[in-house]
Amino acid sequence: MPINKPNNIPSEKAINYVLKTISPGSTLKSISEVDGSYSNYAHLVEAELPNAEITRFIVRRYAIFSNYDRGEKAHREFKALEFTYKHGIPVPKPLYLDETGLILKMPGIVTEYVDGRIDLNPRDPDRWAEAMAETLVKIHSLPCDIDEDSFVLNANQEASWFLRDDYLPEFIKSYPRGTDVLKAAFKLSQDIEKVKPCLVHIDYWPGNILWQDDHIVAVMDWEEAAYGDPVIDVAYARMEMSILGFSSAADKFLSVYEKLTGKQATNLLFWELAAAARPMYSPETWNITESPRRDNFDKFVESVLKKI
């Protein structure tokens, strides 16, 4: 569900300051809100270059959400984009970081604009799933010669947040089969196999992927970039695909991922239960209060529990 964002347009003064840094000599033409912005503020900036060509940028600023450090989120996403862009992953090119919010009036980043569309209703679900699996394998194959602790989260801790000893997830217990999910997840958590960690997106799903024709041109939203078990991304993507009504494509996604990596997706059932805990926390946000999405989600949960 979109957050309430009154009077959130960045000032022309702030944008002109940024333009002087990332595109000297350009002239601001327009600032408009990007459709589909949810947990943060995103605006499209159009500027005219000295040669009269029009260029576009995205200004992404981080809204107050719980007790998250917005400056840390800006820093993490910018560094994750730098790292993935350098290694050829299709992501928006990072251009400017305002970690303190001194210029943009709240922590944020500026990236190149990527012309693409989100595809939540694919014409060819199998090819859709295959392309997403191929891109995820490339992400998980990146050489992790970075100082992970400098900006990324602990993926395993982030994804299993609902099992922390100091947290009582009553919201999950109140959801049908929620208690069963908790019990099964706790049981499986005792025997988690150690795997080689890698860069993990944490929020890898079709809504964060831009397409041109049948090709992925950008993986978006890296503010939760983390380091840990790669199957966290596999499980979350499969759940989201199932909610959209493409459970067969979700199976295709898994088979392609396992074929390309040459190994089974270890710990998959646990991470699928962990993925399911997120919609249970806020059914309205995930739009699973009504069918068919509610039925699709419940079927996903049942399918995981039956395999345990």
Foldseek 3Di string as FASTA:
>chain_A
DADDQPPLFFDPQLVVVLCCQQANQKAWDDKAWDPPDHQWTKIKTWIAHPVRDIFIKIKIFGDDDDPDQRLLLQVQVLVVLVQCVVVPQQAFAWGDWDSPCPRRVGGITMTGDDDFDQDLDDPDLQLLLLQLLVSLLSQQPDPPPDPQVVRAAALVCVLQVCPDPVDDPVLQVVDVCSVVLNVVLVVLVVPADADQKGWEQLQRESVQWGDDPSHTNHRHDRSNIHIGQRLLNLLLHLLRSLLSPPNVSSVSNLVSNCVVVVHHRGPNLSSNSSNLVVCSSPVVVVVLPDPPSVVSNVVSVVVSSVVD
